[in-house]
Amino acid sequence: MKTFDYKNLIFMIISWVGIFLFYFFINAVVFYIFGLFVKDITMKYIYIFTVIVDIIFVPIILVLRRKEIKTFASLPCVQISYIFKIIFILLAIDSLFFIYINANYISSSFNFLCNIFNEIGKNNFLDYKYINDPFYIYDFIALCFIAPICEEIIFRGLMYNDIKKIFGVRATIFITSFIFCLLHFNDGMVDGEKLIIIRAASTFIFSVFVSYYYEKTKSLITPVLLHIFHNLFAFNADAVKINYRIIVFFIFIIIGLVIITIEGIKYIKNKNTNGVIEEI
């Protein structure tokens, strides 16, 4: 851990408490204005509501902290193969959590797999009620593109670098991921199921991966792309019927294990030969 001035630590905590209070204030204002036009505000409006808040909040914070943008705004080149390896490992981890949540469907999914050629022609792959929802396209854009960009600017671009000025890299990754997890805590409440611990663990692991590779690549492109692909997977999983979904999850797990195995062999081989560790 780096030697740090407690005054700087206190100042940083106060400044970020102020930033989040400002965020909640914007939430309250937007919610009030939204309520003037929409009488029945239900969960179907949640992503649209969140995007409006993010579009207002993030630019204001960037203007207020414009002198610090250079710290994270540089975009060094990142190999696409590098990104895809990490994405498939993350998808494998996500798939483990999804399968655990839907464990009751595993046996029926494998029976379904045995008859998959008979099922393909029946057009049962997608849940068209989910896709044909009028809010689907708005939710898709909000969750899969706008939210990842805004969240990565705040968490990895600003918060991560603020904390890193005081603590070491490992502590910074843990603290940033813990706060990220806390602010996504309500993600565990899905369709009445209290899956808080499972969702929290998945979110925390995801944030650790993203923070680690942001530190490795020094590019905000890495966490933004990882976040976008992660949300694309999570959001569109519900559009695929459960039997197909379980099969796809197992495929992702197999691909992830293959990548981890190959990279592990490379790691051991390089360590035994010249001590050079090849990064994923």
C-alpha atoms as a PDB file:
ATOM      1  CA  MET A   1       0.000   0.000   0.000  1.00  0.00           C
ATOM      2  CA  LYS A   2       1.252   3.455  -0.858  1.00  0.00           C
ATOM      3  CA  THR A   3       2.050   5.975   1.852  1.00  0.00           C
ATOM      4  CA  PHE A   4      -0.726   8.512   1.781  1.00  0.00           C
ATOM      5  CA  ASP A   5      -1.952  11.628   3.519  1.00  0.00           C
ATOM      6  CA  TYR A   6      -5.136  11.025   5.506  1.00  0.00           C
ATOM      7  CA  LYS A   7      -6.287  14.520   4.552  1.00  0.00           C
ATOM      8  CA  ASN A   8      -6.243  13.490   0.879  1.00  0.00           C
ATOM      9  CA  LEU A   9      -8.173  10.328   1.730  1.00  0.00           C
ATOM     10  CA  ILE A  10     -10.831  12.284   3.627  1.00  0.00           C
ATOM     11  CA  PHE A  11     -11.038  14.850   0.823  1.00  0.00           C
ATOM     12  CA  MET A  12     -11.489  12.082  -1.762  1.00  0.00           C
ATOM     13  CA  ILE A  13     -14.243  10.398   0.276  1.00  0.00           C
ATOM     14  CA  ILE A  14     -16.082  13.695   0.764  1.00  0.00           C
ATOM     15  CA  SER A  15     -15.781  14.557  -2.937  1.00  0.00           C
ATOM     16  CA  TRP A  16     -17.184  11.192  -4.055  1.00  0.00           C
ATOM     17  CA  VAL A  17     -19.981  11.313  -1.474  1.00  0.00           C
ATOM     18  CA  GLY A  18     -20.821  14.698  -2.983  1.00  0.00           C
ATOM     19  CA  ILE A  19     -20.738  13.245  -6.518  1.00  0.00           C
ATOM     20  CA  PHE A  20     -23.125  10.421  -5.588  1.00  0.00           C
ATOM     21  CA  LEU A  21     -25.437  12.786  -3.691  1.00  0.00           C
ATOM     22  CA  PHE A  22     -25.524  14.916  -6.839  1.00  0.00           C
ATOM     23  CA  TYR A  23     -26.362  11.777  -8.852  1.00  0.00           C
ATOM     24  CA  PHE A  24     -29.245  10.921  -6.503  1.00  0.00           C
ATOM     25  CA  PHE A  25     -30.438  14.537  -6.685  1.00  0.00           C
ATOM     26  CA  ILE A  26     -30.587  14.343 -10.494  1.00  0.00           C
ATOM     27  CA  ASN A  27     -32.448  11.025 -10.110  1.00  0.00           C
ATOM     28  CA  ALA A  28     -35.036  12.707  -7.901  1.00  0.00           C
ATOM     29  CA  VAL A  29     -35.478  15.659 -10.268  1.00  0.00           C
ATOM     30  CA  VAL A  30     -35.782  13.464 -13.371  1.00  0.00           C
ATOM     31  CA  PHE A  31     -38.170  11.114 -11.542  1.00  0.00           C
ATOM     32  CA  TYR A  32     -40.376  14.069 -10.559  1.00  0.00           C
ATOM     33  CA  ILE A  33     -40.425  15.520 -14.100  1.00  0.00           C
ATOM     34  CA  PHE A  34     -40.958  12.030 -15.562  1.00  0.00           C
ATOM     35  CA  GLY A  35     -43.918  11.584 -13.216  1.00  0.00           C
ATOM     36  CA  LEU A  36     -45.588  14.704 -14.600  1.00  0.00           C
ATOM     37  CA  PHE A  37     -45.873  13.046 -18.030  1.00  0.00           C
ATOM     38  CA  VAL A  38     -46.121   9.357 -17.124  1.00  0.00           C
ATOM     39  CA  LYS A  39     -48.747   8.586 -14.516  1.00  0.00           C
ATOM     40  CA  ASP A  40     -47.951   4.899 -14.063  1.00  0.00           C
ATOM     41  CA  ILE A  41     -44.158   4.628 -13.630  1.00  0.00           C
ATOM     42  CA  THR A  42     -43.323   0.910 -13.605  1.00  0.00           C
ATOM     43  CA  MET A  43     -40.133  -1.142 -13.991  1.00  0.00           C
ATOM     44  CA  LYS A  44     -40.532  -1.108 -17.787  1.00  0.00           C
ATOM     45  CA  TYR A  45     -39.372   2.522 -17.756  1.00  0.00           C
ATOM     46  CA  ILE A  46     -36.297   1.876 -15.606  1.00  0.00           C
ATOM     47  CA  TYR A  47     -33.659   1.759 -18.366  1.00  0.00           C
ATOM     48  CA  ILE A  48     -35.036   4.812 -20.171  1.00  0.00           C
ATOM     49  CA  PHE A  49     -35.070   6.640 -16.857  1.00  0.00           C
ATOM     50  CA  THR A  50     -31.482   5.586 -16.103  1.00  0.00           C
ATOM     51  CA  VAL A  51     -30.240   6.753 -19.517  1.00  0.00           C
ATOM     52  CA  ILE A  52     -31.775  10.202 -19.055  1.00  0.00           C
ATOM     53  CA  VAL A  53     -30.018  10.521 -15.682  1.00  0.00           C
ATOM     54  CA  ASP A  54     -26.675   9.294 -17.091  1.00  0.00           C
ATOM     55  CA  ILE A  55     -26.844  11.651 -20.077  1.00  0.00           C
ATOM     56  CA  ILE A  56     -27.326  14.584 -17.695  1.00  0.00           C
ATOM     57  CA  PHE A  57     -24.966  13.439 -14.918  1.00  0.00           C
ATOM     58  CA  VAL A  58     -21.835  12.242 -16.756  1.00  0.00           C
ATOM     59  CA  PRO A  59     -21.265  15.340 -18.961  1.00  0.00           C
ATOM     60  CA  ILE A  60     -21.662  17.630 -15.925  1.00  0.00           C
ATOM     61  CA  ILE A  61     -19.054  15.629 -13.962  1.00  0.00           C
ATOM     62  CA  LEU A  62     -16.685  15.630 -16.947  1.00  0.00           C
ATOM     63  CA  VAL A  63     -17.005  19.409 -17.277  1.00  0.00           C
ATOM     64  CA  LEU A  64     -16.379  19.884 -13.547  1.00  0.00           C
ATOM     65  CA  ARG A  65     -13.315  17.618 -13.722  1.00  0.00           C
ATOM     66  CA  ARG A  66     -12.152  18.525 -17.224  1.00  0.00           C
ATOM     67  CA  LYS A  67      -8.547  19.040 -16.058  1.00  0.00           C
ATOM     68  CA  GLU A  68      -8.317  15.341 -15.138  1.00  0.00           C
ATOM     69  CA  ILE A  69      -9.760  13.897 -18.344  1.00  0.00           C
ATOM     70  CA  LYS A  70      -6.281  13.449 -19.848  1.00  0.00           C
ATOM     71  CA  THR A  71      -5.570  10.881 -17.112  1.00  0.00           C
ATOM     72  CA  PHE A  72      -7.914   8.328 -18.704  1.00  0.00           C
ATOM     73  CA  ALA A  73      -8.822   9.772 -22.116  1.00  0.00           C
ATOM     74  CA  SER A  74      -5.788   8.351 -23.937  1.00  0.00           C
ATOM     75  CA  LEU A  75      -6.776   5.370 -26.046  1.00  0.00           C
ATOM     76  CA  PRO A  76      -3.737   3.193 -26.768  1.00  0.00           C
ATOM     77  CA  CYS A  77      -4.169   0.390 -29.270  1.00  0.00           C
ATOM     78  CA  VAL A  78      -5.515  -2.851 -27.774  1.00  0.00           C
ATOM     79  CA  GLN A  79      -5.356  -6.153 -29.687  1.00  0.00           C
ATOM     80  CA  ILE A  80      -8.809  -7.442 -30.611  1.00  0.00           C
ATOM     81  CA  SER A  81      -7.740 -11.041 -29.884  1.00  0.00           C
ATOM     82  CA  TYR A  82      -6.735  -9.905 -26.394  1.00  0.00           C
ATOM     83  CA  ILE A  83     -10.206  -8.434 -25.817  1.00  0.00           C
ATOM     84  CA  PHE A  84     -12.024 -11.505 -27.127  1.00  0.00           C
ATOM     85  CA  LYS A  85     -10.088 -13.870 -24.871  1.00  0.00           C
ATOM     86  CA  ILE A  86     -11.133 -11.868 -21.831  1.00  0.00           C
ATOM     87  CA  ILE A  87     -14.726 -11.602 -23.078  1.00  0.00           C
ATOM     88  CA  PHE A  88     -15.084 -15.388 -23.436  1.00  0.00           C
ATOM     89  CA  ILE A  89     -13.603 -15.956 -19.983  1.00  0.00           C
ATOM     90  CA  LEU A  90     -16.114 -13.451 -18.560  1.00  0.00           C
ATOM     91  CA  LEU A  91     -18.957 -15.102 -20.491  1.00  0.00           C
ATOM     92  CA  ALA A  92     -17.907 -18.464 -19.049  1.00  0.00           C
ATOM     93  CA  ILE A  93     -18.049 -17.036 -15.513  1.00  0.00           C
ATOM     94  CA  ASP A  94     -21.432 -15.403 -16.219  1.00  0.00           C
ATOM     95  CA  SER A  95     -22.704 -18.689 -17.655  1.00  0.00           C
ATOM     96  CA  LEU A  96     -21.777 -20.534 -14.454  1.00  0.00           C
ATOM     97  CA  PHE A  97     -23.911 -18.118 -12.447  1.00  0.00           C
ATOM     98  CA  PHE A  98     -26.805 -18.305 -14.926  1.00  0.00           C
ATOM     99  CA  ILE A  99     -26.746 -22.108 -14.911  1.00  0.00           C
ATOM    100  CA  TYR A 100     -26.677 -22.165 -11.125  1.00  0.00           C
ATOM    101  CA  ILE A 101     -29.739 -19.884 -11.062  1.00  0.00           C
ATOM    102  CA  ASN A 102     -31.551 -22.055 -13.654  1.00  0.00           C
ATOM    103  CA  ALA A 103     -30.302 -25.443 -12.416  1.00  0.00           C
ATOM    104  CA  ASN A 104     -33.820 -26.908 -12.547  1.00  0.00           C
ATOM    105  CA  TYR A 105     -33.754 -26.705 -16.354  1.00  0.00           C
ATOM    106  CA  ILE A 106     -30.471 -28.561 -16.928  1.00  0.00           C
ATOM    107  CA  SER A 107     -31.901 -32.076 -17.383  1.00  0.00           C
ATOM    108  CA  SER A 108     -34.718 -30.908 -19.676  1.00  0.00           C
ATOM    109  CA  SER A 109     -32.191 -28.891 -21.700  1.00  0.00           C
ATOM    110  CA  PHE A 110     -30.039 -31.952 -22.374  1.00  0.00           C
ATOM    111  CA  ASN A 111     -33.127 -33.938 -23.379  1.00  0.00           C
ATOM    112  CA  PHE A 112     -33.959 -31.017 -25.646  1.00  0.00           C
ATOM    113  CA  LEU A 113     -30.418 -31.133 -27.094  1.00  0.00           C
ATOM    114  CA  CYS A 114     -30.900 -34.794 -28.067  1.00  0.00           C
ATOM    115  CA  ASN A 115     -33.909 -33.767 -30.164  1.00  0.00           C
ATOM    116  CA  ILE A 116     -32.593 -30.395 -31.268  1.00  0.00           C
ATOM    117  CA  PHE A 117     -32.813 -31.139 -34.998  1.00  0.00           C
ATOM    118  CA  ASN A 118     -36.520 -31.805 -34.586  1.00  0.00           C
ATOM    119  CA  GLU A 119     -36.958 -28.591 -32.601  1.00  0.00           C
ATOM    120  CA  ILE A 120     -35.041 -26.199 -34.883  1.00  0.00           C
ATOM    121  CA  GLY A 121     -37.731 -26.130 -37.527  1.00  0.00           C
ATOM    122  CA  LYS A 122     -40.399 -25.204 -34.960  1.00  0.00           C
ATOM    123  CA  ASN A 123     -39.001 -21.676 -34.568  1.00  0.00           C
ATOM    124  CA  ASN A 124     -38.722 -22.043 -30.786  1.00  0.00           C
ATOM    125  CA  PHE A 125     -35.355 -20.357 -30.372  1.00  0.00           C
ATOM    126  CA  LEU A 126     -36.470 -16.834 -29.428  1.00  0.00           C
ATOM    127  CA  ASP A 127     -39.040 -15.503 -26.996  1.00  0.00           C
ATOM    128  CA  TYR A 128     -40.885 -13.135 -29.301  1.00  0.00           C
ATOM    129  CA  LYS A 129     -42.986 -11.666 -26.494  1.00  0.00           C
ATOM    130  CA  TYR A 130     -39.760 -10.343 -25.006  1.00  0.00           C
ATOM    131  CA  ILE A 131     -38.335  -9.064 -28.296  1.00  0.00           C
ATOM    132  CA  ASN A 132     -41.610  -7.530 -29.519  1.00  0.00           C
ATOM    133  CA  ASP A 133     -41.990  -5.495 -26.345  1.00  0.00           C
ATOM    134  CA  PRO A 134     -42.147  -1.803 -27.457  1.00  0.00           C
ATOM    135  CA  PHE A 135     -39.511  -0.946 -24.843  1.00  0.00           C
ATOM    136  CA  TYR A 136     -37.062  -3.598 -26.052  1.00  0.00           C
ATOM    137  CA  ILE A 137     -35.079  -1.363 -28.425  1.00  0.00           C
ATOM    138  CA  TYR A 138     -34.854   1.479 -25.891  1.00  0.00           C
ATOM    139  CA  ASP A 139     -33.748  -0.888 -23.132  1.00  0.00           C
ATOM    140  CA  PHE A 140     -31.260  -2.524 -25.509  1.00  0.00           C
ATOM    141  CA  ILE A 141     -29.571   0.788 -26.400  1.00  0.00           C
ATOM    142  CA  ALA A 142     -29.651   2.006 -22.790  1.00  0.00           C
ATOM    143  CA  LEU A 143     -28.275  -1.101 -21.088  1.00  0.00           C
ATOM    144  CA  CYS A 144     -25.899  -2.345 -23.771  1.00  0.00           C
ATOM    145  CA  PHE A 145     -24.300   0.891 -24.960  1.00  0.00           C
ATOM    146  CA  ILE A 146     -25.072   4.071 -23.034  1.00  0.00           C
ATOM    147  CA  ALA A 147     -24.857   2.603 -19.518  1.00  0.00           C
ATOM    148  CA  PRO A 148     -21.492   0.797 -20.089  1.00  0.00           C
ATOM    149  CA  ILE A 149     -19.856   3.928 -21.522  1.00  0.00           C
ATOM    150  CA  CYS A 150     -21.157   6.202 -18.752  1.00  0.00           C
ATOM    151  CA  GLU A 151     -20.350   3.746 -15.949  1.00  0.00           C
ATOM    152  CA  GLU A 152     -16.820   3.082 -17.181  1.00  0.00           C
ATOM    153  CA  ILE A 153     -16.096   6.807 -17.443  1.00  0.00           C
ATOM    154  CA  ILE A 154     -17.181   7.255 -13.821  1.00  0.00           C
ATOM    155  CA  PHE A 155     -15.843   4.052 -12.225  1.00  0.00           C
ATOM    156  CA  ARG A 156     -12.681   3.260 -14.187  1.00  0.00           C
ATOM    157  CA  GLY A 157     -11.962   6.661 -15.703  1.00  0.00           C
ATOM    158  CA  LEU A 158     -12.415   8.841 -12.606  1.00  0.00           C
ATOM    159  CA  MET A 159     -12.978   6.835  -9.421  1.00  0.00           C
ATOM    160  CA  TYR A 160     -10.315   4.195 -10.115  1.00  0.00           C
ATOM    161  CA  ASN A 161      -7.661   6.816 -10.784  1.00  0.00           C
ATOM    162  CA  ASP A 162      -8.679   8.839  -7.715  1.00  0.00           C
ATOM    163  CA  ILE A 163      -8.369   5.819  -5.418  1.00  0.00           C
ATOM    164  CA  LYS A 164      -5.124   4.724  -7.072  1.00  0.00           C
ATOM    165  CA  LYS A 165      -3.503   8.037  -6.091  1.00  0.00           C
ATOM    166  CA  ILE A 166      -3.852   6.946  -2.452  1.00  0.00           C
ATOM    167  CA  PHE A 167      -3.830   3.138  -2.436  1.00  0.00           C
ATOM    168  CA  GLY A 168      -1.960   0.453  -4.351  1.00  0.00           C
ATOM    169  CA  VAL A 169      -3.335  -1.236  -7.474  1.00  0.00           C
ATOM    170  CA  ARG A 170      -4.736  -4.334  -5.710  1.00  0.00           C
ATOM    171  CA  ALA A 171      -6.531  -2.303  -3.062  1.00  0.00           C
ATOM    172  CA  THR A 172      -7.826   0.068  -5.746  1.00  0.00           C
ATOM    173  CA  ILE A 173      -9.258  -2.822  -7.797  1.00  0.00           C
ATOM    174  CA  PHE A 174     -10.956  -4.258  -4.697  1.00  0.00           C
ATOM    175  CA  ILE A 175     -12.381  -0.923  -3.478  1.00  0.00           C
ATOM    176  CA  THR A 176     -13.625   0.121  -6.930  1.00  0.00           C
ATOM    177  CA  SER A 177     -15.222  -3.300  -7.486  1.00  0.00           C
ATOM    178  CA  PHE A 178     -16.855  -3.266  -4.045  1.00  0.00           C
ATOM    179  CA  ILE A 179     -18.431   0.156  -4.680  1.00  0.00           C
ATOM    180  CA  PHE A 180     -19.452  -0.923  -8.198  1.00  0.00           C
ATOM    181  CA  CYS A 181     -21.079  -4.015  -6.682  1.00  0.00           C
ATOM    182  CA  LEU A 182     -22.933  -1.999  -4.030  1.00  0.00           C
ATOM    183  CA  LEU A 183     -24.396   0.349  -6.615  1.00  0.00           C
ATOM    184  CA  HIS A 184     -25.663  -2.664  -8.616  1.00  0.00           C
ATOM    185  CA  PHE A 185     -27.061  -4.398  -5.549  1.00  0.00           C
ATOM    186  CA  ASN A 186     -30.663  -4.059  -6.723  1.00  0.00           C
ATOM    187  CA  ASP A 187     -29.802  -6.220  -9.776  1.00  0.00           C
ATOM    188  CA  GLY A 188     -30.387  -9.236  -7.537  1.00  0.00           C
ATOM    189  CA  MET A 189     -34.093  -8.515  -7.329  1.00  0.00           C
ATOM    190  CA  VAL A 190     -35.315 -10.076 -10.555  1.00  0.00           C
ATOM    191  CA  ASP A 191     -38.877 -11.267 -11.046  1.00  0.00           C
ATOM    192  CA  GLY A 192     -39.375 -11.554  -7.309  1.00  0.00           C
ATOM    193  CA  GLU A 193     -36.397 -13.876  -6.825  1.00  0.00           C
ATOM    194  CA  LYS A 194     -33.946 -12.781  -4.156  1.00  0.00           C
ATOM    195  CA  LEU A 195     -30.704 -13.612  -5.912  1.00  0.00           C
ATOM    196  CA  ILE A 196     -28.741 -10.823  -4.274  1.00  0.00           C
ATOM    197  CA  ILE A 197     -25.688 -12.862  -3.203  1.00  0.00           C
ATOM    198  CA  ILE A 198     -25.347 -14.575  -6.582  1.00  0.00           C
ATOM    199  CA  ARG A 199     -25.765 -11.354  -8.550  1.00  0.00           C
ATOM    200  CA  ALA A 200     -23.450  -9.469  -6.197  1.00  0.00           C
ATOM    201  CA  ALA A 201     -20.724 -12.109  -6.567  1.00  0.00           C
ATOM    202  CA  SER A 202     -21.076 -12.054 -10.364  1.00  0.00           C
ATOM    203  CA  THR A 203     -20.961  -8.236 -10.466  1.00  0.00           C
ATOM    204  CA  PHE A 204     -17.943  -8.068  -8.145  1.00  0.00           C
ATOM    205  CA  ILE A 205     -15.962 -10.635 -10.174  1.00  0.00           C
ATOM    206  CA  PHE A 206     -16.863  -8.819 -13.393  1.00  0.00           C
ATOM    207  CA  SER A 207     -15.640  -5.505 -11.972  1.00  0.00           C
ATOM    208  CA  VAL A 208     -12.376  -7.078 -10.743  1.00  0.00           C
ATOM    209  CA  PHE A 209     -11.695  -8.419 -14.256  1.00  0.00           C
ATOM    210  CA  VAL A 210     -12.542  -5.106 -15.901  1.00  0.00           C
ATOM    211  CA  SER A 211     -10.455  -3.070 -13.439  1.00  0.00           C
ATOM    212  CA  TYR A 212      -7.499  -5.446 -13.750  1.00  0.00           C
ATOM    213  CA  TYR A 213      -7.430  -5.243 -17.540  1.00  0.00           C
ATOM    214  CA  TYR A 214      -7.946  -1.491 -17.466  1.00  0.00           C
ATOM    215  CA  GLU A 215      -4.793  -1.308 -15.353  1.00  0.00           C
ATOM    216  CA  LYS A 216      -2.971  -3.652 -17.734  1.00  0.00           C
ATOM    217  CA  THR A 217      -3.932  -1.921 -20.975  1.00  0.00           C
ATOM    218  CA  LYS A 218      -4.094   1.675 -19.667  1.00  0.00           C
ATOM    219  CA  SER A 219      -6.957   2.166 -22.109  1.00  0.00           C
ATOM    220  CA  LEU A 220     -10.607   2.951 -21.342  1.00  0.00           C
ATOM    221  CA  ILE A 221     -11.510   1.088 -24.543  1.00  0.00           C
ATOM    222  CA  THR A 222     -10.873  -2.223 -22.745  1.00  0.00           C
ATOM    223  CA  PRO A 223     -13.390  -1.824 -19.884  1.00  0.00           C
ATOM    224  CA  VAL A 224     -15.956  -0.181 -22.176  1.00  0.00           C
ATOM    225  CA  LEU A 225     -15.844  -3.071 -24.681  1.00  0.00           C
ATOM    226  CA  LEU A 226     -15.886  -5.685 -21.920  1.00  0.00           C
ATOM    227  CA  HIS A 227     -18.841  -3.965 -20.270  1.00  0.00           C
ATOM    228  CA  ILE A 228     -20.753  -3.696 -23.554  1.00  0.00           C
ATOM    229  CA  PHE A 229     -20.269  -7.390 -24.405  1.00  0.00           C
ATOM    230  CA  HIS A 230     -21.123  -8.395 -20.843  1.00  0.00           C
ATOM    231  CA  ASN A 231     -24.395  -6.436 -20.942  1.00  0.00           C
ATOM    232  CA  LEU A 232     -25.228  -7.664 -24.447  1.00  0.00           C
ATOM    233  CA  PHE A 233     -24.971 -11.210 -23.138  1.00  0.00           C
ATOM    234  CA  ALA A 234     -26.938 -10.557 -19.938  1.00  0.00           C
ATOM    235  CA  PHE A 235     -29.681  -8.498 -21.596  1.00  0.00           C
ATOM    236  CA  ASN A 236     -30.285 -10.742 -24.606  1.00  0.00           C
ATOM    237  CA  ALA A 237     -30.104 -13.987 -22.631  1.00  0.00           C
ATOM    238  CA  ASP A 238     -33.739 -13.438 -21.662  1.00  0.00           C
ATOM    239  CA  ALA A 239     -34.694 -13.240 -25.344  1.00  0.00           C
ATOM    240  CA  VAL A 240     -33.569 -16.853 -25.865  1.00  0.00           C
ATOM    241  CA  LYS A 241     -35.856 -19.604 -24.615  1.00  0.00           C
ATOM    242  CA  ILE A 242     -34.559 -21.399 -21.564  1.00  0.00           C
ATOM    243  CA  ASN A 243     -33.605 -24.743 -23.149  1.00  0.00           C
ATOM    244  CA  TYR A 244     -31.487 -23.082 -25.831  1.00  0.00           C
ATOM    245  CA  ARG A 245     -30.122 -20.693 -23.214  1.00  0.00           C
ATOM    246  CA  ILE A 246     -28.719 -23.466 -21.018  1.00  0.00           C
ATOM    247  CA  ILE A 247     -27.041 -25.075 -24.033  1.00  0.00           C
ATOM    248  CA  VAL A 248     -25.453 -21.739 -25.052  1.00  0.00           C
ATOM    249  CA  PHE A 249     -24.235 -21.251 -21.461  1.00  0.00           C
ATOM    250  CA  PHE A 250     -22.476 -24.625 -21.527  1.00  0.00           C
ATOM    251  CA  ILE A 251     -20.850 -23.741 -24.856  1.00  0.00           C
ATOM    252  CA  PHE A 252     -19.494 -20.507 -23.350  1.00  0.00           C
ATOM    253  CA  ILE A 253     -18.161 -22.425 -20.338  1.00  0.00           C
ATOM    254  CA  ILE A 254     -16.353 -24.910 -22.610  1.00  0.00           C
ATOM    255  CA  ILE A 255     -14.830 -22.096 -24.710  1.00  0.00           C
ATOM    256  CA  GLY A 256     -13.765 -20.261 -21.556  1.00  0.00           C
ATOM    257  CA  LEU A 257     -12.141 -23.391 -20.105  1.00  0.00           C
ATOM    258  CA  VAL A 258     -10.295 -24.029 -23.379  1.00  0.00           C
ATOM    259  CA  ILE A 259      -8.917 -20.457 -23.377  1.00  0.00           C
ATOM    260  CA  ILE A 260      -7.901 -20.674 -19.701  1.00  0.00           C
ATOM    261  CA  THR A 261      -6.203 -24.047 -20.342  1.00  0.00           C
ATOM    262  CA  ILE A 262      -4.278 -22.769 -23.377  1.00  0.00           C
ATOM    263  CA  GLU A 263      -3.174 -19.598 -21.593  1.00  0.00           C
ATOM    264  CA  GLY A 264      -2.248 -21.630 -18.504  1.00  0.00           C
ATOM    265  CA  ILE A 265      -0.026 -23.911 -20.590  1.00  0.00           C
ATOM    266  CA  LYS A 266       1.618 -20.848 -22.175  1.00  0.00           C
ATOM    267  CA  TYR A 267       2.165 -19.354 -18.719  1.00  0.00           C
ATOM    268  CA  ILE A 268       3.828 -22.506 -17.356  1.00  0.00           C
ATOM    269  CA  LYS A 269       5.914 -23.012 -20.498  1.00  0.00           C
ATOM    270  CA  ASN A 270       7.202 -19.434 -20.487  1.00  0.00           C
ATOM    271  CA  LYS A 271       7.856 -19.517 -16.757  1.00  0.00           C
ATOM    272  CA  ASN A 272       9.887 -22.716 -17.058  1.00  0.00           C
ATOM    273  CA  THR A 273      11.913 -21.468 -20.034  1.00  0.00           C
ATOM    274  CA  ASN A 274      12.781 -17.833 -19.471  1.00  0.00           C
ATOM    275  CA  GLY A 275      10.502 -16.588 -16.699  1.00  0.00           C
ATOM    276  CA  VAL A 276       8.552 -14.381 -19.077  1.00  0.00           C
ATOM    277  CA  ILE A 277       4.820 -14.446 -18.390  1.00  0.00           C
ATOM    278  CA  GLU A 278       2.636 -14.076 -21.439  1.00  0.00           C
ATOM    279  CA  GLU A 279      -0.453 -12.125 -20.536  1.00  0.00           C
ATOM    280  CA  ILE A 280      -3.870 -13.217 -21.670  1.00  0.00           C
END
